[in-house]
PDB file of N, CA and C in Angstrom:
ATOM      1  N   MET A   1      23.825  15.454 -10.388  1.00  0.00           N
ATOM      2  CA  MET A   1      22.830  16.158 -11.176  1.00  0.00           C
ATOM      3  C   MET A   1      22.739  15.513 -12.553  1.00  0.00           C
ATOM      4  N   ALA A   2      21.527  15.447 -13.098  1.00  0.00           N
ATOM      5  CA  ALA A   2      21.337  14.935 -14.447  1.00  0.00           C
ATOM      6  C   ALA A   2      22.146  15.784 -15.416  1.00  0.00           C
ATOM      7  N   GLN A   3      22.503  15.188 -16.539  1.00  0.00           N
ATOM      8  CA  GLN A   3      23.270  15.943 -17.519  1.00  0.00           C
ATOM      9  C   GLN A   3      22.441  17.120 -18.012  1.00  0.00           C
ATOM     10  N   THR A   4      23.036  18.307 -17.994  1.00  0.00           N
ATOM     11  CA  THR A   4      22.352  19.511 -18.431  1.00  0.00           C
ATOM     12  C   THR A   4      22.181  19.467 -19.943  1.00  0.00           C
ATOM     13  N   PRO A   5      20.955  19.695 -20.435  1.00  0.00           N
ATOM     14  CA  PRO A   5      20.748  19.722 -21.881  1.00  0.00           C
ATOM     15  C   PRO A   5      21.600  20.815 -22.519  1.00  0.00           C
ATOM     16  N   PRO A   6      22.005  20.630 -23.764  1.00  0.00           N
ATOM     17  CA  PRO A   6      22.801  21.662 -24.417  1.00  0.00           C
ATOM     18  C   PRO A   6      21.996  22.947 -24.582  1.00  0.00           C
ATOM     19  N   LEU A   7      22.651  24.061 -24.344  1.00  0.00           N
ATOM     20  CA  LEU A   7      21.971  25.346 -24.467  1.00  0.00           C
ATOM     21  C   LEU A   7      21.558  25.628 -25.905  1.00  0.00           C
ATOM     22  N   GLY A   8      22.275  25.053 -26.856  1.00  0.00           N
ATOM     23  CA  GLY A   8      21.954  25.264 -28.264  1.00  0.00           C
ATOM     24  C   GLY A   8      20.577  24.767 -28.634  1.00  0.00           C
ATOM     25  N   ASP A   9      19.977  23.893 -27.811  1.00  0.00           N
ATOM     26  CA  ASP A   9      18.624  23.404 -28.069  1.00  0.00           C
ATOM     27  C   ASP A   9      17.578  24.464 -27.756  1.00  0.00           C
ATOM     28  N   SER A  10      17.965  25.487 -27.034  1.00  0.00           N
ATOM     29  CA  SER A  10      17.045  26.552 -26.644  1.00  0.00           C
ATOM     30  C   SER A  10      17.095  27.675 -27.674  1.00  0.00           C
ATOM     31  N   PRO A  11      15.927  28.148 -28.134  1.00  0.00           N
ATOM     32  CA  PRO A  11      15.948  29.274 -29.076  1.00  0.00           C
ATOM     33  C   PRO A  11      16.666  30.491 -28.508  1.00  0.00           C
ATOM     34  N   LEU A  12      16.552  30.693 -27.206  1.00  0.00           N
ATOM     35  CA  LEU A  12      17.187  31.839 -26.568  1.00  0.00           C
ATOM     36  C   LEU A  12      18.710  31.731 -26.597  1.00  0.00           C
ATOM     37  N   PHE A  13      19.243  30.557 -26.293  1.00  0.00           N
ATOM     38  CA  PHE A  13      20.691  30.380 -26.209  1.00  0.00           C
ATOM     39  C   PHE A  13      21.314  29.888 -27.514  1.00  0.00           C
ATOM     40  N   GLY A  14      20.498  29.368 -28.417  1.00  0.00           N
ATOM     41  CA  GLY A  14      21.019  28.793 -29.653  1.00  0.00           C
ATOM     42  C   GLY A  14      21.786  29.778 -30.507  1.00  0.00           C
ATOM     43  N   LEU A  15      21.534  31.065 -30.334  1.00  0.00           N
ATOM     44  CA  LEU A  15      22.242  32.086 -31.108  1.00  0.00           C
ATOM     45  C   LEU A  15      23.642  32.363 -30.577  1.00  0.00           C
ATOM     46  N   LEU A  16      23.906  31.937 -29.355  1.00  0.00           N
ATOM     47  CA  LEU A  16      25.217  32.195 -28.754  1.00  0.00           C
ATOM     48  C   LEU A  16      26.261  31.252 -29.332  1.00  0.00           C
ATOM     49  N   PRO A  17      27.481  31.741 -29.535  1.00  0.00           N
ATOM     50  CA  PRO A  17      28.560  30.841 -29.933  1.00  0.00           C
ATOM     51  C   PRO A  17      28.756  29.752 -28.869  1.00  0.00           C
ATOM     52  N   ALA A  18      29.202  28.572 -29.296  1.00  0.00           N
ATOM     53  CA  ALA A  18      29.374  27.432 -28.391  1.00  0.00           C
ATOM     54  C   ALA A  18      30.252  27.791 -27.198  1.00  0.00           C
ATOM     55  N   ARG A  19      31.285  28.585 -27.400  1.00  0.00           N
ATOM     56  CA  ARG A  19      32.180  28.975 -26.300  1.00  0.00           C
ATOM     57  C   ARG A  19      31.418  29.715 -25.210  1.00  0.00           C
ATOM     58  N   LEU A  20      30.543  30.637 -25.602  1.00  0.00           N
ATOM     59  CA  LEU A  20      29.770  31.390 -24.618  1.00  0.00           C
ATOM     60  C   LEU A  20      28.738  30.493 -23.923  1.00  0.00           C
ATOM     61  N   GLN A  21      28.152  29.553 -24.660  1.00  0.00           N
ATOM     62  CA  GLN A  21      27.235  28.596 -24.045  1.00  0.00           C
ATOM     63  C   GLN A  21      27.959  27.793 -22.971  1.00  0.00           C
ATOM     64  N   ASP A  22      29.153  27.319 -23.299  1.00  0.00           N
ATOM     65  CA  ASP A  22      29.944  26.533 -22.336  1.00  0.00           C
ATOM     66  C   ASP A  22      30.277  27.349 -21.097  1.00  0.00           C
ATOM     67  N   GLU A  23      30.600  28.633 -21.287  1.00  0.00           N
ATOM     68  CA  GLU A  23      30.922  29.498 -20.149  1.00  0.00           C
ATOM     69  C   GLU A  23      29.708  29.683 -19.235  1.00  0.00           C
ATOM     70  N   LEU A  24      28.529  29.851 -19.815  1.00  0.00           N
ATOM     71  CA  LEU A  24      27.322  30.007 -19.005  1.00  0.00           C
ATOM     72  C   LEU A  24      27.041  28.743 -18.196  1.00  0.00           C
ATOM     73  N   VAL A  25      27.159  27.586 -18.827  1.00  0.00           N
ATOM     74  CA  VAL A  25      26.919  26.322 -18.119  1.00  0.00           C
ATOM     75  C   VAL A  25      27.939  26.152 -16.996  1.00  0.00           C
ATOM     76  N   ALA A  26      29.204  26.451 -17.283  1.00  0.00           N
ATOM     77  CA  ALA A  26      30.255  26.298 -16.270  1.00  0.00           C
ATOM     78  C   ALA A  26      30.025  27.222 -15.078  1.00  0.00           C
ATOM     79  N   ALA A  27      29.434  28.386 -15.309  1.00  0.00           N
ATOM     80  CA  ALA A  27      29.201  29.346 -14.233  1.00  0.00           C
ATOM     81  C   ALA A  27      27.902  29.064 -13.475  1.00  0.00           C
ATOM     82  N   GLY A  28      27.094  28.140 -13.984  1.00  0.00           N
ATOM     83  CA  GLY A  28      25.806  27.849 -13.364  1.00  0.00           C
ATOM     84  C   GLY A  28      25.937  27.048 -12.079  1.00  0.00           C
ATOM     85  N   HIS A  29      24.864  27.073 -11.293  1.00  0.00           N
ATOM     86  CA  HIS A  29      24.818  26.358 -10.022  1.00  0.00           C
ATOM     87  C   HIS A  29      23.633  25.394 -10.044  1.00  0.00           C
ATOM     88  N   PRO A  30      23.868  24.135  -9.650  1.00  0.00           N
ATOM     89  CA  PRO A  30      22.759  23.172  -9.634  1.00  0.00           C
ATOM     90  C   PRO A  30      21.736  23.508  -8.547  1.00  0.00           C
ATOM     91  N   VAL A  31      20.467  23.310  -8.885  1.00  0.00           N
ATOM     92  CA  VAL A  31      19.356  23.516  -7.958  1.00  0.00           C
ATOM     93  C   VAL A  31      18.480  22.274  -8.028  1.00  0.00           C
ATOM     94  N   ARG A  32      18.090  21.765  -6.869  1.00  0.00           N
ATOM     95  CA  ARG A  32      17.193  20.608  -6.818  1.00  0.00           C
ATOM     96  C   ARG A  32      15.905  21.011  -6.116  1.00  0.00           C
ATOM     97  N   LEU A  33      14.794  20.634  -6.714  1.00  0.00           N
ATOM     98  CA  LEU A  33      13.481  20.881  -6.121  1.00  0.00           C
ATOM     99  C   LEU A  33      12.773  19.548  -5.916  1.00  0.00           C
ATOM    100  N   SER A  34      12.079  19.422  -4.817  1.00  0.00           N
ATOM    101  CA  SER A  34      11.217  18.270  -4.583  1.00  0.00           C
ATOM    102  C   SER A  34       9.862  18.546  -5.226  1.00  0.00           C
ATOM    103  N   ALA A  35       9.127  17.499  -5.502  1.00  0.00           N
ATOM    104  CA  ALA A  35       7.785  17.654  -6.053  1.00  0.00           C
ATOM    105  C   ALA A  35       6.972  18.617  -5.183  1.00  0.00           C
ATOM    106  N   ARG A  36       6.242  19.504  -5.809  1.00  0.00           N
ATOM    107  CA  ARG A  36       5.370  20.508  -5.197  1.00  0.00           C
ATOM    108  C   ARG A  36       6.130  21.695  -4.586  1.00  0.00           C
ATOM    109  N   GLU A  37       7.444  21.704  -4.675  1.00  0.00           N
ATOM    110  CA  GLU A  37       8.224  22.832  -4.157  1.00  0.00           C
ATOM    111  C   GLU A  37       8.211  23.971  -5.190  1.00  0.00           C
ATOM    112  N   TRP A  38       8.158  25.210  -4.685  1.00  0.00           N
ATOM    113  CA  TRP A  38       8.130  26.389  -5.561  1.00  0.00           C
ATOM    114  C   TRP A  38       9.552  26.822  -5.899  1.00  0.00           C
ATOM    115  N   LEU A  39       9.805  27.091  -7.175  1.00  0.00           N
ATOM    116  CA  LEU A  39      11.082  27.642  -7.610  1.00  0.00           C
ATOM    117  C   LEU A  39      11.096  29.146  -7.342  1.00  0.00           C
ATOM    118  N   PHE A  40      10.035  29.821  -7.745  1.00  0.00           N
ATOM    119  CA  PHE A  40       9.828  31.229  -7.420  1.00  0.00           C
ATOM    120  C   PHE A  40       8.352  31.550  -7.595  1.00  0.00           C
ATOM    121  N   GLU A  41       7.970  32.726  -7.085  1.00  0.00           N
ATOM    122  CA  GLU A  41       6.571  33.143  -7.168  1.00  0.00           C
ATOM    123  C   GLU A  41       6.465  34.482  -7.886  1.00  0.00           C
ATOM    124  N   ALA A  42       5.311  34.712  -8.491  1.00  0.00           N
ATOM    125  CA  ALA A  42       5.069  35.979  -9.184  1.00  0.00           C
ATOM    126  C   ALA A  42       5.364  37.132  -8.227  1.00  0.00           C
ATOM    127  N   GLY A  43       6.056  38.148  -8.744  1.00  0.00           N
ATOM    128  CA  GLY A  43       6.410  39.303  -7.934  1.00  0.00           C
ATOM    129  C   GLY A  43       7.799  39.220  -7.331  1.00  0.00           C
ATOM    130  N   ASP A  44       8.403  38.022  -7.324  1.00  0.00           N
ATOM    131  CA  ASP A  44       9.777  37.893  -6.818  1.00  0.00           C
ATOM    132  C   ASP A  44      10.743  38.625  -7.746  1.00  0.00           C
ATOM    133  N   ALA A  45      11.879  39.025  -7.197  1.00  0.00           N
ATOM    134  CA  ALA A  45      12.932  39.643  -8.010  1.00  0.00           C
ATOM    135  C   ALA A  45      13.442  38.630  -9.028  1.00  0.00           C
ATOM    136  N   GLY A  46      13.736  39.116 -10.213  1.00  0.00           N
ATOM    137  CA  GLY A  46      14.231  38.238 -11.273  1.00  0.00           C
ATOM    138  C   GLY A  46      15.707  38.440 -11.501  1.00  0.00           C
ATOM    139  N   ASP A  47      16.542  37.841 -10.667  1.00  0.00           N
ATOM    140  CA  ASP A  47      17.983  38.053 -10.751  1.00  0.00           C
ATOM    141  C   ASP A  47      18.741  36.867 -11.343  1.00  0.00           C
ATOM    142  N   CYS A  48      18.005  35.816 -11.750  1.00  0.00           N
ATOM    143  CA  CYS A  48      18.658  34.657 -12.362  1.00  0.00           C
ATOM    144  C   CYS A  48      17.642  33.943 -13.247  1.00  0.00           C
ATOM    145  N   LEU A  49      18.148  33.055 -14.082  1.00  0.00           N
ATOM    146  CA  LEU A  49      17.284  32.219 -14.895  1.00  0.00           C
ATOM    147  C   LEU A  49      17.702  30.775 -14.694  1.00  0.00           C
ATOM    148  N   TYR A  50      16.899  29.859 -15.177  1.00  0.00           N
ATOM    149  CA  TYR A  50      17.120  28.435 -14.929  1.00  0.00           C
ATOM    150  C   TYR A  50      16.984  27.636 -16.214  1.00  0.00           C
ATOM    151  N   LEU A  51      17.806  26.623 -16.332  1.00  0.00           N
ATOM    152  CA  LEU A  51      17.718  25.644 -17.411  1.00  0.00           C
ATOM    153  C   LEU A  51      17.317  24.325 -16.769  1.00  0.00           C
ATOM    154  N   VAL A  52      16.237  23.722 -17.243  1.00  0.00           N
ATOM    155  CA  VAL A  52      15.752  22.467 -16.670  1.00  0.00           C
ATOM    156  C   VAL A  52      16.606  21.314 -17.181  1.00  0.00           C
ATOM    157  N   ALA A  53      17.237  20.581 -16.259  1.00  0.00           N
ATOM    158  CA  ALA A  53      18.047  19.411 -16.609  1.00  0.00           C
ATOM    159  C   ALA A  53      17.199  18.143 -16.583  1.00  0.00           C
ATOM    160  N   SER A  54      16.325  18.019 -15.581  1.00  0.00           N
ATOM    161  CA  SER A  54      15.429  16.861 -15.483  1.00  0.00           C
ATOM    162  C   SER A  54      14.214  17.256 -14.657  1.00  0.00           C
ATOM    163  N   GLY A  55      13.143  16.499 -14.816  1.00  0.00           N
ATOM    164  CA  GLY A  55      11.938  16.767 -14.051  1.00  0.00           C
ATOM    165  C   GLY A  55      10.890  17.497 -14.858  1.00  0.00           C
ATOM    166  N   ARG A  56       9.896  18.028 -14.170  1.00  0.00           N
ATOM    167  CA  ARG A  56       8.795  18.730 -14.813  1.00  0.00           C
ATOM    168  C   ARG A  56       8.292  19.808 -13.867  1.00  0.00           C
ATOM    169  N   LEU A  57       7.991  20.967 -14.434  1.00  0.00           N
ATOM    170  CA  LEU A  57       7.493  22.099 -13.660  1.00  0.00           C
ATOM    171  C   LEU A  57       6.252  22.668 -14.335  1.00  0.00           C
ATOM    172  N   ARG A  58       5.460  23.395 -13.550  1.00  0.00           N
ATOM    173  CA  ARG A  58       4.323  24.094 -14.134  1.00  0.00           C
ATOM    174  C   ARG A  58       4.458  25.579 -13.842  1.00  0.00           C
ATOM    175  N   VAL A  59       4.030  26.377 -14.804  1.00  0.00           N
ATOM    176  CA  VAL A  59       4.034  27.831 -14.686  1.00  0.00           C
ATOM    177  C   VAL A  59       2.593  28.240 -14.431  1.00  0.00           C
ATOM    178  N   VAL A  60       2.361  28.958 -13.329  1.00  0.00           N
ATOM    179  CA  VAL A  60       1.004  29.339 -12.956  1.00  0.00           C
ATOM    180  C   VAL A  60       0.917  30.834 -12.673  1.00  0.00           C
ATOM    181  N   ALA A  61      -0.297  31.366 -12.850  1.00  0.00           N
ATOM    182  CA  ALA A  61      -0.556  32.772 -12.541  1.00  0.00           C
ATOM    183  C   ALA A  61      -1.963  32.884 -11.978  1.00  0.00           C
ATOM    184  N   GLU A  62      -2.147  33.895 -11.162  1.00  0.00           N
ATOM    185  CA  GLU A  62      -3.476  34.175 -10.616  1.00  0.00           C
ATOM    186  C   GLU A  62      -4.235  35.029 -11.625  1.00  0.00           C
ATOM    187  N   ARG A  63      -5.409  34.552 -11.985  1.00  0.00           N
ATOM    188  CA  ARG A  63      -6.271  35.283 -12.922  1.00  0.00           C
ATOM    189  C   ARG A  63      -7.684  35.304 -12.361  1.00  0.00           C
ATOM    190  N   ASP A  64      -8.203  36.475 -12.114  1.00  0.00           N
ATOM    191  CA  ASP A  64      -9.564  36.620 -11.592  1.00  0.00           C
ATOM    192  C   ASP A  64      -9.783  35.782 -10.340  1.00  0.00           C
ATOM    193  N   GLY A  65      -8.782  35.764  -9.468  1.00  0.00           N
ATOM    194  CA  GLY A  65      -8.893  35.042  -8.210  1.00  0.00           C
ATOM    195  C   GLY A  65      -8.700  33.540  -8.311  1.00  0.00           C
ATOM    196  N   GLU A  66      -8.395  33.037  -9.503  1.00  0.00           N
ATOM    197  CA  GLU A  66      -8.171  31.607  -9.683  1.00  0.00           C
ATOM    198  C   GLU A  66      -6.772  31.371 -10.224  1.00  0.00           C
ATOM    199  N   THR A  67      -6.238  30.198  -9.927  1.00  0.00           N
ATOM    200  CA  THR A  67      -4.921  29.833 -10.421  1.00  0.00           C
ATOM    201  C   THR A  67      -5.054  29.202 -11.802  1.00  0.00           C
ATOM    202  N   ALA A  68      -4.348  29.773 -12.776  1.00  0.00           N
ATOM    203  CA  ALA A  68      -4.362  29.258 -14.145  1.00  0.00           C
ATOM    204  C   ALA A  68      -3.000  28.679 -14.480  1.00  0.00           C
ATOM    205  N   VAL A  69      -2.966  27.462 -15.014  1.00  0.00           N
ATOM    206  CA  VAL A  69      -1.720  26.853 -15.470  1.00  0.00           C
ATOM    207  C   VAL A  69      -1.428  27.399 -16.863  1.00  0.00           C
ATOM    208  N   LEU A  70      -0.305  28.088 -17.006  1.00  0.00           N
ATOM    209  CA  LEU A  70       0.067  28.712 -18.270  1.00  0.00           C
ATOM    210  C   LEU A  70       0.890  27.788 -19.155  1.00  0.00           C
ATOM    211  N   ASN A  71       1.692  26.920 -18.514  1.00  0.00           N
ATOM    212  CA  ASN A  71       2.587  26.058 -19.285  1.00  0.00           C
ATOM    213  C   ASN A  71       3.128  24.953 -18.390  1.00  0.00           C
ATOM    214  N   THR A  72       3.564  23.874 -19.015  1.00  0.00           N
ATOM    215  CA  THR A  72       4.282  22.807 -18.336  1.00  0.00           C
ATOM    216  C   THR A  72       5.620  22.672 -19.040  1.00  0.00           C
ATOM    217  N   LEU A  73       6.707  22.617 -18.268  1.00  0.00           N
ATOM    218  CA  LEU A  73       8.055  22.631 -18.827  1.00  0.00           C
ATOM    219  C   LEU A  73       8.850  21.407 -18.387  1.00  0.00           C
ATOM    220  N   GLY A  74       9.725  20.940 -19.276  1.00  0.00           N
ATOM    221  CA  GLY A  74      10.573  19.800 -18.974  1.00  0.00           C
ATOM    222  C   GLY A  74      12.010  20.070 -19.382  1.00  0.00           C
ATOM    223  N   PRO A  75      12.819  19.021 -19.476  1.00  0.00           N
ATOM    224  CA  PRO A  75      14.242  19.166 -19.784  1.00  0.00           C
ATOM    225  C   PRO A  75      14.500  20.005 -21.035  1.00  0.00           C
ATOM    226  N   GLY A  76      15.468  20.920 -20.886  1.00  0.00           N
ATOM    227  CA  GLY A  76      15.851  21.807 -21.973  1.00  0.00           C
ATOM    228  C   GLY A  76      15.160  23.161 -21.930  1.00  0.00           C
ATOM    229  N   ALA A  77      14.106  23.272 -21.135  1.00  0.00           N
ATOM    230  CA  ALA A  77      13.377  24.544 -21.055  1.00  0.00           C
ATOM    231  C   ALA A  77      14.179  25.579 -20.276  1.00  0.00           C
ATOM    232  N   VAL A  78      14.025  26.821 -20.658  1.00  0.00           N
ATOM    233  CA  VAL A  78      14.628  27.952 -19.949  1.00  0.00           C
ATOM    234  C   VAL A  78      13.506  28.667 -19.204  1.00  0.00           C
ATOM    235  N   ILE A  79      13.746  28.973 -17.936  1.00  0.00           N
ATOM    236  CA  ILE A  79      12.736  29.598 -17.089  1.00  0.00           C
ATOM    237  C   ILE A  79      13.312  30.865 -16.464  1.00  0.00           C
ATOM    238  N   GLY A  80      12.535  31.935 -16.472  1.00  0.00           N
ATOM    239  CA  GLY A  80      12.919  33.144 -15.753  1.00  0.00           C
ATOM    240  C   GLY A  80      13.674  34.172 -16.563  1.00  0.00           C
ATOM    241  N   GLU A  81      13.837  33.937 -17.857  1.00  0.00           N
ATOM    242  CA  GLU A  81      14.602  34.878 -18.673  1.00  0.00           C
ATOM    243  C   GLU A  81      13.868  36.184 -18.907  1.00  0.00           C
ATOM    244  N   LEU A  82      12.544  36.161 -18.879  1.00  0.00           N
ATOM    245  CA  LEU A  82      11.780  37.376 -19.137  1.00  0.00           C
ATOM    246  C   LEU A  82      12.111  38.476 -18.126  1.00  0.00           C
ATOM    247  N   ALA A  83      12.198  38.115 -16.859  1.00  0.00           N
ATOM    248  CA  ALA A  83      12.526  39.107 -15.828  1.00  0.00           C
ATOM    249  C   ALA A  83      13.926  39.675 -16.031  1.00  0.00           C
ATOM    250  N   ILE A  84      14.854  38.854 -16.488  1.00  0.00           N
ATOM    251  CA  ILE A  84      16.226  39.324 -16.742  1.00  0.00           C
ATOM    252  C   ILE A  84      16.224  40.303 -17.915  1.00  0.00           C
ATOM    253  N   LEU A  85      15.519  39.930 -18.980  1.00  0.00           N
ATOM    254  CA  LEU A  85      15.522  40.747 -20.190  1.00  0.00           C
ATOM    255  C   LEU A  85      14.778  42.065 -20.019  1.00  0.00           C
ATOM    256  N   THR A  86      13.734  42.083 -19.187  1.00  0.00           N
ATOM    257  CA  THR A  86      12.919  43.288 -19.035  1.00  0.00           C
ATOM    258  C   THR A  86      13.245  44.091 -17.784  1.00  0.00           C
ATOM    259  N   GLY A  87      13.936  43.474 -16.811  1.00  0.00           N
ATOM    260  CA  GLY A  87      14.208  44.149 -15.550  1.00  0.00           C
ATOM    261  C   GLY A  87      13.003  44.173 -14.620  1.00  0.00           C
ATOM    262  N   ALA A  88      11.951  43.453 -14.978  1.00  0.00           N
ATOM    263  CA  ALA A  88      10.736  43.402 -14.166  1.00  0.00           C
ATOM    264  C   ALA A  88      10.822  42.265 -13.150  1.00  0.00           C
ATOM    265  N   THR A  89       9.845  42.230 -12.252  1.00  0.00           N
ATOM    266  CA  THR A  89       9.755  41.108 -11.317  1.00  0.00           C
ATOM    267  C   THR A  89       9.183  39.895 -12.059  1.00  0.00           C
ATOM    268  N   ARG A  90       9.185  38.748 -11.401  1.00  0.00           N
ATOM    269  CA  ARG A  90       8.653  37.521 -11.998  1.00  0.00           C
ATOM    270  C   ARG A  90       7.181  37.722 -12.342  1.00  0.00           C
ATOM    271  N   SER A  91       6.796  37.340 -13.545  1.00  0.00           N
ATOM    272  CA  SER A  91       5.426  37.552 -14.004  1.00  0.00           C
ATOM    273  C   SER A  91       4.506  36.375 -13.672  1.00  0.00           C
ATOM    274  N   ALA A  92       5.077  35.250 -13.272  1.00  0.00           N
ATOM    275  CA  ALA A  92       4.297  34.060 -12.935  1.00  0.00           C
ATOM    276  C   ALA A  92       5.057  33.274 -11.880  1.00  0.00           C
ATOM    277  N   SER A  93       4.398  32.271 -11.329  1.00  0.00           N
ATOM    278  CA  SER A  93       5.017  31.385 -10.337  1.00  0.00           C
ATOM    279  C   SER A  93       5.363  30.068 -11.010  1.00  0.00           C
ATOM    280  N   VAL A  94       6.414  29.395 -10.511  1.00  0.00           N
ATOM    281  CA  VAL A  94       6.841  28.116 -11.079  1.00  0.00           C
ATOM    282  C   VAL A  94       6.987  27.098  -9.956  1.00  0.00           C
ATOM    283  N   GLN A  95       6.336  25.947 -10.143  1.00  0.00           N
ATOM    284  CA  GLN A  95       6.311  24.892  -9.137  1.00  0.00           C
ATOM    285  C   GLN A  95       6.720  23.562  -9.772  1.00  0.00           C
ATOM    286  N   ALA A  96       7.531  22.795  -9.045  1.00  0.00           N
ATOM    287  CA  ALA A  96       7.916  21.465  -9.516  1.00  0.00           C
ATOM    288  C   ALA A  96       6.725  20.519  -9.411  1.00  0.00           C
ATOM    289  N   LEU A  97       6.469  19.779 -10.479  1.00  0.00           N
ATOM    290  CA  LEU A  97       5.423  18.758 -10.454  1.00  0.00           C
ATOM    291  C   LEU A  97       5.971  17.433  -9.937  1.00  0.00           C
ATOM    292  N   ARG A  98       7.264  17.243 -10.109  1.00  0.00           N
ATOM    293  CA  ARG A  98       7.970  16.073  -9.582  1.00  0.00           C
ATOM    294  C   ARG A  98       9.388  16.524  -9.262  1.00  0.00           C
ATOM    295  N   ASP A  99      10.173  15.661  -8.671  1.00  0.00           N
ATOM    296  CA  ASP A  99      11.555  16.031  -8.346  1.00  0.00           C
ATOM    297  C   ASP A  99      12.226  16.555  -9.614  1.00  0.00           C
ATOM    298  N   THR A 100      12.900  17.689  -9.475  1.00  0.00           N
ATOM    299  CA  THR A 100      13.427  18.407 -10.639  1.00  0.00           C
ATOM    300  C   THR A 100      14.830  18.909 -10.349  1.00  0.00           C
ATOM    301  N   GLU A 101      15.683  18.858 -11.380  1.00  0.00           N
ATOM    302  CA  GLU A 101      17.032  19.414 -11.296  1.00  0.00           C
ATOM    303  C   GLU A 101      17.165  20.502 -12.344  1.00  0.00           C
ATOM    304  N   LEU A 102      17.738  21.622 -11.909  1.00  0.00           N
ATOM    305  CA  LEU A 102      17.907  22.774 -12.788  1.00  0.00           C
ATOM    306  C   LEU A 102      19.323  23.310 -12.680  1.00  0.00           C
ATOM    307  N   LEU A 103      19.689  24.111 -13.638  1.00  0.00           N
ATOM    308  CA  LEU A 103      20.944  24.844 -13.577  1.00  0.00           C
ATOM    309  C   LEU A 103      20.577  26.315 -13.458  1.00  0.00           C
ATOM    310  N   GLU A 104      21.010  26.953 -12.373  1.00  0.00           N
ATOM    311  CA  GLU A 104      20.744  28.374 -12.148  1.00  0.00           C
ATOM    312  C   GLU A 104      21.872  29.200 -12.751  1.00  0.00           C
ATOM    313  N   ILE A 105      21.495  30.178 -13.585  1.00  0.00           N
ATOM    314  CA  ILE A 105      22.473  31.061 -14.217  1.00  0.00           C
ATOM    315  C   ILE A 105      22.184  32.484 -13.757  1.00  0.00           C
ATOM    316  N   ASP A 106      23.171  33.112 -13.151  1.00  0.00           N
ATOM    317  CA  ASP A 106      23.037  34.477 -12.648  1.00  0.00           C
ATOM    318  C   ASP A 106      22.697  35.431 -13.788  1.00  0.00           C
ATOM    319  N   GLY A 107      21.800  36.352 -13.526  1.00  0.00           N
ATOM    320  CA  GLY A 107      21.363  37.302 -14.537  1.00  0.00           C
ATOM    321  C   GLY A 107      22.487  38.124 -15.133  1.00  0.00           C
ATOM    322  N   GLU A 108      23.436  38.531 -14.322  1.00  0.00           N
ATOM    323  CA  GLU A 108      24.556  39.318 -14.834  1.00  0.00           C
ATOM    324  C   GLU A 108      25.412  38.494 -15.790  1.00  0.00           C
ATOM    325  N   ARG A 109      25.578  37.210 -15.498  1.00  0.00           N
ATOM    326  CA  ARG A 109      26.345  36.331 -16.387  1.00  0.00           C
ATOM    327  C   ARG A 109      25.622  36.153 -17.712  1.00  0.00           C
ATOM    328  N   PHE A 110      24.302  36.184 -17.673  1.00  0.00           N
ATOM    329  CA  PHE A 110      23.493  36.002 -18.874  1.00  0.00           C
ATOM    330  C   PHE A 110      23.464  37.263 -19.740  1.00  0.00           C
ATOM    331  N   GLU A 111      23.464  38.428 -19.114  1.00  0.00           N
ATOM    332  CA  GLU A 111      23.332  39.673 -19.861  1.00  0.00           C
ATOM    333  C   GLU A 111      24.508  39.935 -20.793  1.00  0.00           C
ATOM    334  N   GLU A 112      25.721  39.616 -20.390  1.00  0.00           N
ATOM    335  CA  GLU A 112      26.900  39.900 -21.213  1.00  0.00           C
ATOM    336  C   GLU A 112      26.850  39.172 -22.563  1.00  0.00           C
ATOM    337  N   PRO A 113      26.652  37.849 -22.595  1.00  0.00           N
ATOM    338  CA  PRO A 113      26.600  37.178 -23.904  1.00  0.00           C
ATOM    339  C   PRO A 113      25.432  37.636 -24.768  1.00  0.00           C
ATOM    340  N   THR A 114      24.300  37.974 -24.166  1.00  0.00           N
ATOM    341  CA  THR A 114      23.168  38.410 -24.980  1.00  0.00           C
ATOM    342  C   THR A 114      23.453  39.772 -25.614  1.00  0.00           C
ATOM    343  N   ARG A 115      24.242  40.605 -24.952  1.00  0.00           N
ATOM    344  CA  ARG A 115      24.659  41.873 -25.567  1.00  0.00           C
ATOM    345  C   ARG A 115      25.531  41.589 -26.781  1.00  0.00           C
ATOM    346  N   VAL A 116      26.414  40.597 -26.678  1.00  0.00           N
ATOM    347  CA  VAL A 116      27.290  40.235 -27.793  1.00  0.00           C
ATOM    348  C   VAL A 116      26.449  39.787 -28.989  1.00  0.00           C
ATOM    349  N   VAL A 117      25.451  38.946 -28.753  1.00  0.00           N
ATOM    350  CA  VAL A 117      24.596  38.452 -29.829  1.00  0.00           C
ATOM    351  C   VAL A 117      23.798  39.596 -30.446  1.00  0.00           C
ATOM    352  N   THR A 118      23.271  40.492 -29.618  1.00  0.00           N
ATOM    353  CA  THR A 118      22.502  41.628 -30.113  1.00  0.00           C
ATOM    354  C   THR A 118      23.383  42.521 -30.986  1.00  0.00           C
ATOM    355  N   MET A 119      24.593  42.785 -30.531  1.00  0.00           N
ATOM    356  CA  MET A 119      25.510  43.628 -31.294  1.00  0.00           C
ATOM    357  C   MET A 119      25.879  42.962 -32.619  1.00  0.00           C
ATOM    358  N   ALA A 120      26.107  41.641 -32.588  1.00  0.00           N
ATOM    359  CA  ALA A 120      26.453  40.922 -33.816  1.00  0.00           C
ATOM    360  C   ALA A 120      25.296  40.982 -34.802  1.00  0.00           C
ATOM    361  N   GLY A 121      24.079  40.841 -34.289  1.00  0.00           N
ATOM    362  CA  GLY A 121      22.900  40.858 -35.152  1.00  0.00           C
ATOM    363  C   GLY A 121      22.641  42.208 -35.787  1.00  0.00           C
ATOM    364  N   THR A 122      23.114  43.273 -35.166  1.00  0.00           N
ATOM    365  CA  THR A 122      22.904  44.611 -35.702  1.00  0.00           C
ATOM    366  C   THR A 122      24.154  45.131 -36.407  1.00  0.00           C
ATOM    367  N   GLY A 123      25.190  44.294 -36.521  1.00  0.00           N
ATOM    368  CA  GLY A 123      26.403  44.696 -37.206  1.00  0.00           C
ATOM    369  C   GLY A 123      27.295  45.624 -36.433  1.00  0.00           C
ATOM    370  N   GLN A 124      27.135  45.670 -35.096  1.00  0.00           N
ATOM    371  CA  GLN A 124      27.916  46.595 -34.270  1.00  0.00           C
ATOM    372  C   GLN A 124      29.209  45.994 -33.745  1.00  0.00           C
ATOM    373  N   LEU A 125      29.505  44.748 -34.075  1.00  0.00           N
ATOM    374  CA  LEU A 125      30.758  44.143 -33.580  1.00  0.00           C
ATOM    375  C   LEU A 125      31.906  44.440 -34.513  1.00  0.00           C
TER     376      LEU A 125
END
């Protein structure tokens, strides 16, 4: 697998102490997608998030019966965190534009460190 970009480059993970970032990466599982393969589709359960290590993906949604490209993502991008943070299903679909490598992080593993950051930010630690 391509070297995983540092989590500190992500606004979402950059607030976490380096130790917690390392723990999340160590607990992650590599995922490989071929070009045109779907990572997930809108409406799927959101039980994990992904960090893009290499490749390129597009985020799409159905709008008025047509497919709209919402974003294109590359190395260092975090995908799927919204469903984890809100408890909702996936709000859009994500498809690889070319061969892509990602790191899958379980939602439960992600929730614990974000609680720590939230508590620290509000002075509750």
